[in-house]
Amino acid sequence: MVFDAECGAATLTGGSVKVRPFSLKLFACVLHECGGYKLQNMKVSVPVSSVLHHKGSAVWSIAPEATVFQAIQLMADKNVGALLVMSGGKLEGVISERDYTRKIALRGKSSKQTRVREILSSEVVSVTPSHSVEECMRLMTEHRVRHLPVLEGQKVVGIVSIGDLVNWTISAQDAAIAQMEQYIAGGAPA
């Protein structure tokens, strides 16, 4: 078996597959060519609601009137990199460790004197539970953010970080690799 450039490089010799540098797209090609097992391109099109279900939907928030010091203290206590800024049940923004570093520490401001609302960005980038992991990663890249609130209408149902999405993607890739190895070894596809 020889694959074209779109699939990558692989050869089938004596019932085993020899794979040279490849991508996940190659896995789909290998599985398809090795017996008709069809797999979609290995995009991470799983909805972000699955990530929330797996990691939990706990959300830590702070009021816009709180000090930046209080926000940083809460992030440290909860071991998170960002907090949702909520006022009267409504999402006002997101404050992150990055905001503290760039908008307080580097400007010589006092975190004990500065209110969270003073350093919030005007734009809140959010997603719905039906957004795919891939769409969330694209939004994070385009908007240069590391955390996305997940909203159903105006209600906050969770938050995902770039770390959550990377971990989910790695787990999905590990599962695809295990499936391919099982298939190549002669086991039935899972």
Protein backbone atom coordinates (compact mmCIF):
# COMPACT_ATOMS: atom_id res chain seq x y z
CA MET A 1 0.00 0.00 0.00
CA VAL A 2 1.32 3.44 -0.90
CA PHE A 3 -0.37 6.68 0.06
CA ASP A 4 -0.43 9.87 -1.92
CA ALA A 5 1.03 13.12 -0.60
CA GLU A 6 -2.26 14.13 1.00
CA CYS A 7 -2.17 11.06 3.26
CA GLY A 8 1.52 11.13 4.11
CA ALA A 9 3.98 8.26 3.73
CA ALA A 10 3.26 4.65 4.59
CA THR A 11 3.80 1.23 3.09
CA LEU A 12 2.15 -2.11 3.76
CA THR A 13 4.58 -5.02 3.78
CA GLY A 14 3.73 -8.55 4.78
CA GLY A 15 0.63 -7.59 6.72
CA SER A 16 2.25 -4.87 8.80
CA VAL A 17 2.15 -1.17 8.29
CA LYS A 18 5.40 0.74 8.26
CA VAL A 19 4.70 4.39 8.99
CA ARG A 20 7.14 7.22 8.51
CA PRO A 21 6.51 10.74 9.87
CA PHE A 22 2.78 11.23 9.78
CA SER A 23 -0.14 13.24 11.01
CA LEU A 24 -3.45 12.19 12.46
CA LYS A 25 -4.89 12.53 8.98
CA LEU A 26 -2.66 9.60 8.07
CA PHE A 27 -4.32 7.48 10.75
CA ALA A 28 -7.61 7.99 8.96
CA CYS A 29 -6.00 6.97 5.66
CA VAL A 30 -4.32 3.90 7.16
CA LEU A 31 -7.50 2.72 8.80
CA HIS A 32 -9.47 3.33 5.63
CA GLU A 33 -6.99 1.56 3.36
CA CYS A 34 -6.45 -1.40 5.72
CA GLY A 35 -9.83 -2.96 5.23
CA GLY A 36 -12.37 -0.30 4.54
CA TYR A 37 -12.62 0.95 8.10
CA LYS A 38 -13.74 4.52 7.51
CA LEU A 39 -12.79 7.28 9.87
CA GLN A 40 -13.49 10.95 9.38
CA ASN A 41 -10.51 13.30 9.06
CA MET A 42 -9.10 13.36 12.55
CA LYS A 43 -10.41 16.78 13.41
CA VAL A 44 -11.47 17.42 16.95
CA SER A 45 -15.11 18.12 16.19
CA VAL A 46 -16.37 17.01 19.59
CA PRO A 47 -18.56 19.65 21.25
CA VAL A 48 -17.01 21.55 24.12
CA SER A 49 -19.90 20.32 26.29
CA SER A 50 -18.09 16.94 26.30
CA VAL A 51 -14.98 18.61 27.68
CA LEU A 52 -17.06 20.28 30.41
CA HIS A 53 -18.74 16.98 31.23
CA HIS A 54 -15.33 15.34 31.58
CA LYS A 55 -13.58 18.11 33.55
CA GLY A 56 -16.59 19.40 35.45
CA SER A 57 -18.35 22.70 35.13
CA ALA A 58 -17.15 24.38 38.32
CA VAL A 59 -16.79 28.09 37.71
CA TRP A 60 -14.93 30.48 39.96
CA SER A 61 -15.96 34.11 39.71
CA ILE A 62 -15.36 37.47 41.28
CA ALA A 63 -17.26 40.75 41.35
CA PRO A 64 -15.98 43.71 39.31
CA GLU A 65 -15.76 45.77 42.53
CA ALA A 66 -13.23 43.36 44.09
CA THR A 67 -9.59 44.30 44.08
CA VAL A 68 -7.16 42.69 41.66
CA PHE A 69 -5.31 41.37 44.72
CA GLN A 70 -8.46 39.52 45.83
CA ALA A 71 -8.80 38.07 42.32
CA ILE A 72 -5.19 36.85 42.28
CA GLN A 73 -5.61 35.40 45.78
CA LEU A 74 -8.74 33.49 44.69
CA MET A 75 -6.96 32.18 41.58
CA ALA A 76 -4.11 30.94 43.78
CA ASP A 77 -6.52 29.36 46.29
CA LYS A 78 -8.46 27.54 43.57
CA ASN A 79 -5.39 26.77 41.44
CA VAL A 80 -6.88 28.35 38.31
CA GLY A 81 -5.45 30.81 35.80
CA ALA A 82 -8.57 32.93 35.33
CA LEU A 83 -11.82 33.97 36.94
CA LEU A 84 -15.09 35.02 35.40
CA VAL A 85 -16.10 38.52 36.41
CA MET A 86 -19.80 38.40 37.29
CA SER A 87 -22.22 41.10 38.35
CA GLY A 88 -25.80 40.23 39.23
CA GLY A 89 -25.50 36.85 37.52
CA LYS A 90 -24.30 38.47 34.29
CA LEU A 91 -20.90 37.85 32.75
CA GLU A 92 -18.91 41.09 32.64
CA GLY A 93 -15.56 39.68 31.58
CA VAL A 94 -12.63 37.42 32.41
CA ILE A 95 -9.61 38.30 34.54
CA SER A 96 -6.48 36.20 34.21
CA GLU A 97 -2.99 35.99 35.63
CA ARG A 98 -1.86 37.42 32.31
CA ASP A 99 -4.06 40.51 32.90
CA TYR A 100 -2.45 40.99 36.29
CA THR A 101 1.06 40.72 34.86
CA ARG A 102 0.48 43.07 31.95
CA LYS A 103 -1.95 45.58 33.41
CA ILE A 104 -0.82 45.80 37.03
CA ALA A 105 2.71 44.50 37.64
CA LEU A 106 4.32 45.88 34.48
CA ARG A 107 2.64 49.28 34.92
CA GLY A 108 3.68 49.62 38.55
CA LYS A 109 0.07 49.70 39.81
CA SER A 110 -1.02 48.34 43.16
CA SER A 111 -3.18 45.20 43.01
CA LYS A 112 -4.62 46.14 46.41
CA GLN A 113 -5.72 49.55 45.13
CA THR A 114 -6.97 48.59 41.66
CA ARG A 115 -10.47 47.21 41.06
CA VAL A 116 -11.02 44.28 38.73
CA ARG A 117 -13.36 46.37 36.52
CA GLU A 118 -10.48 48.81 35.83
CA ILE A 119 -8.46 46.22 33.93
CA LEU A 120 -11.21 44.27 32.13
CA SER A 121 -11.12 44.14 28.36
CA SER A 122 -14.25 45.47 26.68
CA GLU A 123 -14.67 42.38 24.49
CA VAL A 124 -15.69 39.05 26.03
CA VAL A 125 -15.03 36.11 23.75
CA SER A 126 -17.33 33.22 24.66
CA VAL A 127 -18.67 30.00 23.16
CA THR A 128 -21.74 27.81 23.47
CA PRO A 129 -21.73 24.15 24.54
CA SER A 130 -22.17 23.13 20.89
CA HIS A 131 -18.95 24.80 19.70
CA SER A 132 -16.37 22.18 18.76
CA VAL A 133 -13.02 21.84 20.49
CA GLU A 134 -11.41 22.83 17.19
CA GLU A 135 -13.55 25.99 16.93
CA CYS A 136 -12.64 26.92 20.51
CA MET A 137 -8.93 26.53 19.78
CA ARG A 138 -9.30 28.67 16.68
CA LEU A 139 -11.08 31.42 18.66
CA MET A 140 -8.40 31.34 21.34
CA THR A 141 -5.71 31.74 18.70
CA GLU A 142 -7.51 34.51 16.80
CA HIS A 143 -8.34 36.52 19.93
CA ARG A 144 -5.15 35.66 21.82
CA VAL A 145 -7.03 34.42 24.91
CA ARG A 146 -6.44 31.32 26.99
CA HIS A 147 -9.87 30.97 28.62
CA LEU A 148 -13.35 30.87 27.11
CA PRO A 149 -16.57 31.16 29.10
CA VAL A 150 -19.21 28.70 27.90
CA LEU A 151 -22.68 30.24 27.76
CA GLU A 152 -26.19 28.95 27.11
CA GLY A 153 -27.96 32.17 26.23
CA GLN A 154 -26.85 34.54 28.99
CA LYS A 155 -26.25 31.75 31.54
CA VAL A 156 -22.67 30.69 32.27
CA VAL A 157 -22.39 26.89 32.20
CA GLY A 158 -18.62 26.56 32.41
CA ILE A 159 -15.21 27.76 31.32
CA VAL A 160 -12.54 26.02 29.24
CA SER A 161 -8.86 26.80 29.12
CA ILE A 162 -6.33 26.10 26.40
CA GLY A 163 -4.95 23.43 28.75
CA ASP A 164 -8.35 21.72 28.93
CA LEU A 165 -8.58 21.65 25.13
CA VAL A 166 -5.02 20.42 24.65
CA ASN A 167 -5.57 17.64 27.21
CA TRP A 168 -8.81 16.64 25.48
CA THR A 169 -7.08 16.60 22.09
CA ILE A 170 -4.20 14.48 23.40
CA SER A 171 -6.68 12.01 24.92
CA ALA A 172 -8.58 11.82 21.62
CA GLN A 173 -5.34 11.22 19.72
CA ASP A 174 -4.27 8.53 22.20
CA ALA A 175 -7.62 6.80 21.71
CA ALA A 176 -7.26 6.98 17.91
CA ILE A 177 -3.74 5.56 18.10
CA ALA A 178 -4.89 2.72 20.35
CA GLN A 179 -7.75 1.98 17.95
CA MET A 180 -5.39 1.92 14.98
CA GLU A 181 -2.88 -0.30 16.76
CA GLN A 182 -5.64 -2.72 17.71
CA TYR A 183 -6.95 -2.75 14.14
CA ILE A 184 -3.51 -3.29 12.60
CA ALA A 185 -2.80 -6.07 15.10
CA GLY A 186 -5.92 -7.84 13.86
CA GLY A 187 -8.38 -6.85 16.54
CA ALA A 188 -11.84 -5.57 15.75
CA PRO A 189 -12.25 -1.80 15.67
CA ALA A 190 -13.68 -0.39 18.88
